[in-house]
Amino acid sequence: MQQNIAQNATLTFKYNQELGRHGWLRLTPAYSVRLVEQLLQELDYKPRCVLDPFSGSGTTALVCANQGINSFAFDINPFLVWLGNVKLCQYSSETRAAFVHIAAELAGDLQRCQPAALPPIFNLDRWWGRAQADFLARLKGAIWELRSTCDGEVVQLLQIAFCRMVIELSNAAFNHVSTSFKNTTGAANAADAADAADAVSTAIAEEAFDPKAAREQFLQSCSMVSEGAAICPQAQAQVLLRDARDAPAQFTNQFDTIITSPPYPNRISYIRELRPYMFWMDMLKSAGQAGELDWQAIGGTWGRATSRLGSWHSAGTLPQYICALADKIAKADHKSARLMANYVLKYFEDMREHLHSAFAGLCRGGRVFYIVGNSSFYGVLVPTDQIYADLLQDAGFVDVDCTVVRKRNCNKKLFEYAVSARKP
């Protein structure tokens, strides 16, 4: 049956891009609004409170809030906590009008603004040409100066529009496991393109950059953000800075539904896509901080997290077949085979810890839905859906079920699943 499952773009982040606040920032890890809506619709009860322990871009919490359902969400990344809460705010018509007015004033007088310091991101010129970086620095300086004199909610909306510009003016693309950059050099291969881009990207960017067009682009972003801000949530929702492996005691029996999409065991570190925002927003000061944050996250393997993974040792808490699977990966003919074996073991040990914590927090009869994808390492398939089902049962859940949601890409063996269960 799986071979007949299609790659359904409406069940991915792409569906969200034109949906008000859901589309404020494009984040690849986001999952589809439609998928969350379908899961809520299929419930045979109206949830009293929903939890998303892997908030990401805040999709679950915002869908619930728009439907009048109270919710909480956790995330370990401070930028995602900030973004989720900004999406969940109530914005009055006066706030939206002030936001649009101030944005127009900033855009019209940007050259007179004192630029903020450029972010300490490695190889800055590869991300932005000097003209683009100067535009962003002046825009940031103008917005940050308003923090002491302007309504905080207006500043939040300006910062969302600023974050949109950070990516729209960059040379980066997030369509692969590794961040890629526009090849404007005509180089024959990716390695040559990267070297050549470092040498000429600034000149090309400055030649192509149009400050007037950039100001118009900023105002268009502000208009889009303002339209989304007009659609106010109908229920209480909040994103908290929490580790999903350890739900606080005050959340015991506080929610009756979990709808979430945790990181997949495919070595895509979400910090890579968040770094530009976090550096410009002063939430990161160094690559080392990014690597440390990724190590704290489940499934993180960027920067410093990779070296730590190499010396990590399993606690031996997983079913034997998962250990055998990791051993098979470790024996593959690849220099990173042992590292990836550790990665798989650590990922599922962390998820096991989370699922036990989730069981404690859920009310009796509560339902859980995990949207996850399987993966493959050196030809060894990792059956994520089966492993989640077994770990849910190990945590005490019953009525465990796995449903194929969609085909993920051209690989015939990679799918996305909805793994559901109930607390007895």
Protein backbone atom coordinates (compact mmCIF):
# COMPACT_ATOMS: atom_id res chain seq x y z
CA MET A 1 0.00 0.00 0.00
CA GLN A 2 2.87 2.41 0.79
CA GLN A 3 3.99 2.60 -2.82
CA ASN A 4 0.66 4.32 -3.65
CA ILE A 5 1.17 7.08 -1.07
CA ALA A 6 1.97 10.41 -2.73
CA GLN A 7 4.27 13.31 -1.80
CA ASN A 8 1.49 15.57 -0.57
CA ALA A 9 2.74 19.16 -0.35
CA THR A 10 -0.41 20.24 1.51
CA LEU A 11 0.83 18.14 4.44
CA THR A 12 4.18 19.97 4.65
CA PHE A 13 5.36 23.43 5.73
CA LYS A 14 4.70 24.69 2.16
CA TYR A 15 0.97 24.67 2.84
CA ASN A 16 1.45 27.14 5.70
CA GLN A 17 3.15 29.91 3.75
CA GLU A 18 -0.04 31.76 2.78
CA LEU A 19 -1.90 31.18 6.05
CA GLY A 20 -1.58 34.37 8.09
CA ARG A 21 0.68 34.02 11.11
CA HIS A 22 1.68 30.49 10.11
CA GLY A 23 3.47 31.99 7.11
CA TRP A 24 5.29 34.78 8.92
CA LEU A 25 8.62 32.94 8.74
CA ARG A 26 9.51 30.04 6.48
CA LEU A 27 10.91 27.22 8.59
CA THR A 28 11.47 23.86 6.91
CA PRO A 29 10.88 21.83 10.13
CA ALA A 30 7.31 23.17 10.39
CA TYR A 31 4.60 20.66 9.66
CA SER A 32 1.28 21.32 7.99
CA VAL A 33 -1.57 23.28 9.50
CA ARG A 34 -3.92 20.99 7.58
CA LEU A 35 -2.46 17.90 9.24
CA VAL A 36 -3.03 19.32 12.74
CA GLU A 37 -6.56 20.35 11.79
CA GLN A 38 -7.29 16.84 10.52
CA LEU A 39 -6.02 15.23 13.72
CA LEU A 40 -8.18 17.53 15.85
CA GLN A 41 -11.21 16.89 13.66
CA GLU A 42 -10.84 13.12 13.95
CA LEU A 43 -10.90 13.16 17.77
CA ASP A 44 -14.09 11.88 19.38
CA TYR A 45 -13.87 14.58 22.07
CA LYS A 46 -13.03 18.28 22.24
CA PRO A 47 -9.63 18.65 23.93
CA ARG A 48 -9.54 20.59 27.17
CA CYS A 49 -5.83 21.35 26.76
CA VAL A 50 -3.36 20.27 24.07
CA LEU A 51 0.40 19.98 24.55
CA ASP A 52 3.03 20.21 21.83
CA PRO A 53 6.34 19.24 23.49
CA PHE A 54 8.31 20.05 20.31
CA SER A 55 6.82 23.42 19.42
CA GLY A 56 9.11 24.39 16.54
CA SER A 57 7.41 27.21 14.67
CA GLY A 58 4.33 26.94 16.92
CA THR A 59 1.99 25.30 14.42
CA THR A 60 0.03 23.12 16.87
CA ALA A 61 -0.46 25.86 19.47
CA LEU A 62 -1.63 28.40 16.88
CA VAL A 63 -4.04 25.96 15.22
CA CYS A 64 -5.52 25.14 18.63
CA ALA A 65 -5.74 28.79 19.65
CA ASN A 66 -7.54 29.65 16.40
CA GLN A 67 -10.07 26.90 17.12
CA GLY A 68 -10.68 28.03 20.70
CA ILE A 69 -8.70 25.17 22.28
CA ASN A 70 -6.30 25.96 25.14
CA SER A 71 -2.76 24.69 24.68
CA PHE A 72 0.81 24.69 25.90
CA ALA A 73 3.97 24.09 23.93
CA PHE A 74 7.58 23.40 24.89
CA ASP A 75 10.76 24.10 23.00
CA ILE A 76 14.41 24.06 23.95
CA ASN A 77 15.38 26.78 21.49
CA PRO A 78 14.87 30.37 22.77
CA PHE A 79 14.24 31.78 19.31
CA LEU A 80 11.42 29.30 18.68
CA VAL A 81 9.93 30.08 22.09
CA TRP A 82 10.01 33.79 21.20
CA LEU A 83 8.56 33.18 17.72
CA GLY A 84 5.77 30.96 19.01
CA ASN A 85 4.68 33.46 21.64
CA VAL A 86 4.77 36.37 19.18
CA LYS A 87 2.47 34.35 16.91
CA LEU A 88 0.09 33.71 19.80
CA CYS A 89 -0.26 37.34 20.94
CA GLN A 90 -3.45 39.37 20.71
CA TYR A 91 -2.78 42.46 18.55
CA SER A 92 -5.27 45.33 18.72
CA SER A 93 -6.18 47.42 15.68
CA GLU A 94 -4.29 50.32 17.30
CA THR A 95 -1.15 48.19 17.63
CA ARG A 96 -1.37 47.07 13.99
CA ALA A 97 -1.90 50.63 12.76
CA ALA A 98 1.08 51.89 14.80
CA PHE A 99 3.20 49.03 13.44
CA VAL A 100 2.42 49.87 9.80
CA HIS A 101 2.93 53.60 10.38
CA ILE A 102 6.28 53.21 12.14
CA ALA A 103 7.47 50.71 9.51
CA ALA A 104 6.77 53.26 6.77
CA GLU A 105 8.68 55.93 8.69
CA LEU A 106 11.67 53.62 9.16
CA ALA A 107 11.76 52.60 5.51
CA GLY A 108 11.63 56.21 4.36
CA ASP A 109 14.53 57.36 6.52
CA LEU A 110 16.72 54.26 6.80
CA GLN A 111 19.95 55.78 5.51
CA ARG A 112 19.99 58.17 8.45
CA CYS A 113 19.67 55.35 10.96
CA GLN A 114 22.69 54.28 12.99
CA PRO A 115 23.57 50.69 11.97
CA ALA A 116 23.71 48.00 14.60
CA ALA A 117 26.81 45.85 14.88
CA LEU A 118 27.01 43.08 12.31
CA PRO A 119 26.37 39.61 13.76
CA PRO A 120 29.44 37.44 14.50
CA ILE A 121 28.34 34.72 12.10
CA PHE A 122 31.18 32.89 10.38
CA ASN A 123 31.89 34.01 6.80
CA LEU A 124 29.32 36.79 6.87
CA ASP A 125 30.07 37.88 3.28
CA ARG A 126 28.98 34.50 2.03
CA TRP A 127 25.56 34.95 3.63
CA TRP A 128 24.99 38.60 2.68
CA GLY A 129 26.75 41.07 0.41
CA ARG A 130 28.04 44.19 2.09
CA ALA A 131 25.15 46.29 0.81
CA GLN A 132 22.57 43.80 2.10
CA ALA A 133 24.34 43.48 5.44
CA ASP A 134 24.46 47.28 5.80
CA PHE A 135 20.73 47.51 5.00
CA LEU A 136 19.94 44.87 7.64
CA ALA A 137 22.24 46.52 10.20
CA ARG A 138 20.53 49.90 9.74
CA LEU A 139 17.09 48.33 9.88
CA LYS A 140 18.00 46.46 13.04
CA GLY A 141 19.49 49.57 14.61
CA ALA A 142 16.30 51.53 13.95
CA ILE A 143 14.03 48.80 15.33
CA TRP A 144 16.13 48.04 18.40
CA GLU A 145 16.29 51.75 19.26
CA LEU A 146 12.48 51.75 19.49
CA ARG A 147 12.47 49.17 22.29
CA SER A 148 12.74 51.85 24.99
CA THR A 149 10.10 54.19 23.55
CA CYS A 150 7.63 52.07 21.61
CA ASP A 151 4.95 49.54 22.53
CA GLY A 152 6.51 46.09 22.92
CA GLU A 153 3.98 44.41 20.64
CA VAL A 154 4.74 46.88 17.85
CA VAL A 155 8.45 46.09 18.21
CA GLN A 156 7.69 42.36 18.08
CA LEU A 157 5.91 42.76 14.75
CA LEU A 158 8.77 44.86 13.39
CA GLN A 159 11.20 42.15 14.46
CA ILE A 160 9.17 39.51 12.59
CA ALA A 161 9.35 41.62 9.44
CA PHE A 162 13.07 42.12 10.05
CA CYS A 163 13.61 38.35 10.33
CA ARG A 164 11.85 37.90 7.01
CA MET A 165 14.29 40.35 5.45
CA VAL A 166 17.26 38.51 6.97
CA ILE A 167 16.47 35.52 4.76
CA GLU A 168 15.02 37.34 1.76
CA LEU A 169 18.23 39.35 1.35
CA SER A 170 20.56 36.41 1.96
CA ASN A 171 22.42 34.16 -0.47
CA ALA A 172 21.38 31.08 1.50
CA ALA A 173 18.97 28.30 0.60
CA PHE A 174 17.60 25.71 3.01
CA ASN A 175 16.61 22.96 0.62
CA HIS A 176 19.19 20.37 1.63
CA VAL A 177 20.62 18.73 4.75
CA SER A 178 23.48 21.25 4.55
CA THR A 179 22.85 24.94 4.02
CA SER A 180 23.60 25.83 0.40
CA PHE A 181 24.38 29.16 -1.19
CA LYS A 182 23.51 30.70 -4.52
CA ASN A 183 26.10 29.94 -7.19
CA THR A 184 26.54 33.22 -9.02
CA THR A 185 30.04 32.36 -10.24
CA GLY A 186 29.46 29.68 -12.85
CA ALA A 187 31.82 27.34 -11.06
CA ALA A 188 31.87 23.74 -12.26
CA ASN A 189 31.15 22.06 -8.93
CA ALA A 190 29.91 22.82 -5.45
CA ALA A 191 33.37 23.00 -3.85
CA ASP A 192 34.71 25.37 -6.51
CA ALA A 193 31.53 27.42 -6.30
CA ALA A 194 31.93 27.83 -2.55
CA ASP A 195 35.54 29.02 -2.89
CA ALA A 196 34.76 31.33 -5.78
CA ALA A 197 31.67 32.72 -4.08
CA ASP A 198 33.74 33.82 -1.11
CA ALA A 199 35.91 35.91 -3.41
CA VAL A 200 33.30 37.62 -5.59
CA SER A 201 29.94 37.44 -3.79
CA THR A 202 30.30 40.87 -2.23
CA ALA A 203 30.90 42.61 -5.56
CA ILE A 204 28.06 40.76 -7.27
CA ALA A 205 25.66 41.43 -4.40
CA GLU A 206 26.45 45.14 -4.32
CA GLU A 207 26.00 45.42 -8.07
CA ALA A 208 22.60 43.70 -7.93
CA PHE A 209 21.32 45.29 -4.70
CA ASP A 210 18.63 47.96 -5.02
CA PRO A 211 17.99 49.81 -1.71
CA LYS A 212 14.65 51.15 -2.92
CA ALA A 213 13.47 47.66 -3.87
CA ALA A 214 14.65 46.37 -0.48
CA ARG A 215 12.64 49.05 1.32
CA GLU A 216 9.56 48.11 -0.71
CA GLN A 217 10.20 44.45 0.13
CA PHE A 218 10.34 45.34 3.82
CA LEU A 219 7.03 47.21 3.59
CA GLN A 220 5.44 44.27 1.78
CA SER A 221 6.63 42.00 4.59
CA CYS A 222 5.13 44.39 7.13
CA SER A 223 1.81 44.36 5.26
CA MET A 224 1.78 40.55 5.28
CA VAL A 225 2.63 40.47 9.00
CA SER A 226 -0.10 43.03 9.75
CA GLU A 227 -2.72 40.96 7.92
CA GLY A 228 -1.77 37.91 9.98
CA ALA A 229 -1.83 39.92 13.21
CA ALA A 230 -5.46 40.85 12.52
CA ILE A 231 -6.54 37.21 12.95
CA CYS A 232 -6.58 36.94 16.74
CA PRO A 233 -6.39 33.60 18.60
CA GLN A 234 -9.59 32.50 20.35
CA ALA A 235 -8.04 30.66 23.29
CA GLN A 236 -5.12 30.80 25.70
CA ALA A 237 -1.81 29.40 24.49
CA GLN A 238 1.81 29.75 25.56
CA VAL A 239 5.19 28.41 24.50
CA LEU A 240 7.59 27.66 27.36
CA LEU A 241 11.35 27.14 27.34
CA ARG A 242 11.45 23.49 28.41
CA ASP A 243 13.27 20.26 27.63
CA ALA A 244 10.74 17.74 26.28
CA ARG A 245 12.49 14.95 28.18
CA ASP A 246 11.48 16.42 31.51
CA ALA A 247 7.99 17.91 31.79
CA PRO A 248 7.72 19.93 35.04
CA ALA A 249 5.66 18.49 37.90
CA GLN A 250 3.06 21.26 37.58
CA PHE A 251 2.04 19.82 34.21
CA THR A 252 1.12 16.40 35.61
CA ASN A 253 -2.36 15.47 34.34
CA GLN A 254 -2.78 18.99 32.95
CA PHE A 255 -3.41 18.10 29.30
CA ASP A 256 -5.54 15.50 27.55
CA THR A 257 -4.00 15.54 24.06
CA ILE A 258 -0.52 15.66 22.58
CA ILE A 259 -0.10 16.62 18.94
CA THR A 260 3.49 17.09 17.88
CA SER A 261 6.13 16.50 15.27
CA PRO A 262 9.48 15.86 16.98
CA PRO A 263 12.79 15.94 15.11
CA TYR A 264 13.18 12.96 12.82
CA PRO A 265 16.17 10.60 13.21
CA ASN A 266 17.73 11.86 9.98
CA ARG A 267 20.56 14.07 11.25
CA ILE A 268 18.98 17.32 10.09
CA SER A 269 19.93 19.79 12.80
CA TYR A 270 17.35 22.55 12.97
CA ILE A 271 19.88 24.97 14.40
CA ARG A 272 21.41 25.34 10.93
CA GLU A 273 18.28 27.08 9.64
CA LEU A 274 17.79 29.13 12.80
CA ARG A 275 21.34 30.47 13.04
CA PRO A 276 20.84 33.56 10.81
CA TYR A 277 17.82 34.68 12.81
CA MET A 278 19.45 33.95 16.15
CA PHE A 279 22.68 35.80 15.36
CA TRP A 280 20.86 38.89 14.11
CA MET A 281 18.45 38.74 17.09
CA ASP A 282 21.40 38.60 19.55
CA MET A 283 20.41 35.12 20.75
CA LEU A 284 23.73 33.60 19.59
CA LYS A 285 27.21 35.01 19.98
CA SER A 286 29.29 32.16 18.53
CA ALA A 287 29.16 28.93 16.57
CA GLY A 288 30.11 27.17 19.81
CA GLN A 289 26.88 28.35 21.42
CA ALA A 290 24.91 27.02 18.45
CA GLY A 291 26.61 23.64 18.74
CA GLU A 292 25.97 23.52 22.48
CA LEU A 293 22.29 24.30 21.97
CA ASP A 294 22.06 21.60 19.30
CA TRP A 295 23.62 19.08 21.67
CA GLN A 296 20.89 19.81 24.21
CA ALA A 297 18.20 19.24 21.57
CA ILE A 298 17.01 15.76 20.60
CA GLY A 299 18.54 14.73 17.29
CA GLY A 300 21.10 17.53 17.15
CA THR A 301 24.42 16.89 15.40
CA TRP A 302 25.68 20.32 14.34
CA GLY A 303 29.13 21.65 15.23
CA ARG A 304 30.19 20.80 18.78
CA ALA A 305 27.33 18.31 19.08
CA THR A 306 29.03 16.03 16.54
CA SER A 307 32.27 15.71 18.50
CA ARG A 308 30.34 15.03 21.71
CA LEU A 309 28.32 12.38 19.94
CA GLY A 310 31.53 10.54 19.10
CA SER A 311 32.34 9.98 22.77
CA TRP A 312 28.76 9.38 23.92
CA HIS A 313 27.89 5.98 25.44
CA SER A 314 24.51 4.29 25.43
CA ALA A 315 22.64 3.73 28.69
CA GLY A 316 21.32 0.42 27.37
CA THR A 317 17.64 1.25 27.88
CA LEU A 318 16.38 0.39 24.40
CA PRO A 319 14.93 -2.88 23.02
CA GLN A 320 17.60 -5.23 21.71
CA TYR A 321 16.53 -4.98 18.07
CA ILE A 322 17.29 -1.23 18.06
CA CYS A 323 20.79 -1.94 19.41
CA ALA A 324 21.24 -4.56 16.68
CA LEU A 325 20.11 -2.01 14.10
CA ALA A 326 22.67 0.50 15.37
CA ASP A 327 25.35 -2.20 15.28
CA LYS A 328 24.51 -2.83 11.63
CA ILE A 329 24.90 0.87 10.87
CA ALA A 330 28.23 0.94 12.74
CA LYS A 331 29.58 -1.84 10.51
CA ALA A 332 28.81 0.01 7.27
CA ASP A 333 31.73 0.97 5.07
CA HIS A 334 31.75 4.68 5.89
CA LYS A 335 33.97 6.87 8.06
CA SER A 336 30.95 8.23 9.97
CA ALA A 337 29.28 4.83 10.48
CA ARG A 338 30.07 4.55 14.21
CA LEU A 339 29.07 8.16 14.77
CA MET A 340 25.70 7.61 13.10
CA ALA A 341 25.15 4.43 15.11
CA ASN A 342 25.60 6.52 18.27
CA TYR A 343 23.28 9.13 16.81
CA VAL A 344 20.46 6.60 16.30
CA LEU A 345 20.87 5.14 19.79
CA LYS A 346 20.97 8.53 21.49
CA TYR A 347 17.97 9.79 19.52
CA PHE A 348 15.76 6.90 20.60
CA GLU A 349 17.04 6.90 24.19
CA ASP A 350 16.12 10.59 24.38
CA MET A 351 12.70 9.92 22.86
CA ARG A 352 12.12 7.06 25.28
CA GLU A 353 12.79 9.44 28.15
CA HIS A 354 10.39 11.97 26.64
CA LEU A 355 7.60 9.44 26.15
CA HIS A 356 7.75 8.37 29.80
CA SER A 357 7.55 12.04 30.80
CA ALA A 358 4.62 12.58 28.42
CA PHE A 359 2.77 9.61 29.91
CA ALA A 360 3.05 11.13 33.39
CA GLY A 361 1.69 14.48 32.22
CA LEU A 362 -1.25 13.16 30.24
CA CYS A 363 -4.72 12.70 31.74
CA ARG A 364 -6.33 9.26 31.81
CA GLY A 365 -7.88 8.47 28.46
CA GLY A 366 -5.75 11.16 26.81
CA ARG A 367 -4.53 10.68 23.24
CA VAL A 368 -1.12 11.31 21.70
CA PHE A 369 -0.16 11.84 18.05
CA TYR A 370 3.46 11.88 16.89
CA ILE A 371 4.18 12.86 13.29
CA VAL A 372 7.52 11.23 12.47
CA GLY A 373 9.53 10.07 9.49
CA ASN A 374 11.70 7.01 9.02
CA SER A 375 15.26 7.26 7.77
CA SER A 376 18.10 5.34 6.20
CA PHE A 377 21.81 5.24 7.02
CA TYR A 378 24.16 3.61 4.50
CA GLY A 379 21.38 1.38 3.24
CA VAL A 380 20.14 0.42 6.71
CA LEU A 381 16.50 1.42 7.13
CA VAL A 382 15.49 2.82 10.52
CA PRO A 383 11.78 1.91 11.04
CA THR A 384 10.90 4.95 13.13
CA ASP A 385 7.18 4.19 13.17
CA GLN A 386 7.72 0.70 14.59
CA ILE A 387 10.23 1.94 17.16
CA TYR A 388 7.91 4.73 18.32
CA ALA A 389 5.07 2.23 18.65
CA ASP A 390 7.22 -0.06 20.80
CA LEU A 391 8.50 2.83 22.95
CA LEU A 392 4.94 4.09 23.48
CA GLN A 393 3.89 0.66 24.71
CA ASP A 394 6.96 0.49 26.93
CA ALA A 395 5.92 3.82 28.49
CA GLY A 396 2.45 2.42 29.32
CA PHE A 397 0.33 3.59 26.39
CA VAL A 398 -2.28 1.37 24.75
CA ASP A 399 -4.20 1.29 21.45
CA VAL A 400 -1.02 2.14 19.56
CA ASP A 401 -1.55 2.70 15.84
CA CYS A 402 0.65 3.76 12.89
CA THR A 403 -0.77 5.44 9.77
CA VAL A 404 1.18 6.50 6.70
CA VAL A 405 0.72 10.24 6.12
CA ARG A 406 2.72 10.86 2.97
CA LYS A 407 5.74 9.90 0.93
CA ARG A 408 8.66 12.16 1.91
CA ASN A 409 10.79 12.28 -1.23
CA CYS A 410 11.90 10.26 -4.24
CA ASN A 411 13.33 7.50 -2.02
CA LYS A 412 10.74 4.74 -2.21
CA LYS A 413 11.36 3.69 1.40
CA LEU A 414 10.99 7.05 3.17
CA PHE A 415 7.58 8.00 4.55
CA GLU A 416 5.99 10.19 7.18
CA TYR A 417 3.76 8.54 9.76
CA ALA A 418 1.18 9.48 12.38
CA VAL A 419 1.85 7.27 15.41
CA SER A 420 -1.01 7.49 17.90
CA ALA A 421 -1.80 5.96 21.29
CA ARG A 422 -3.97 6.36 24.40
CA LYS A 423 -3.23 6.52 28.12
CA PRO A 424 -5.39 3.89 29.91
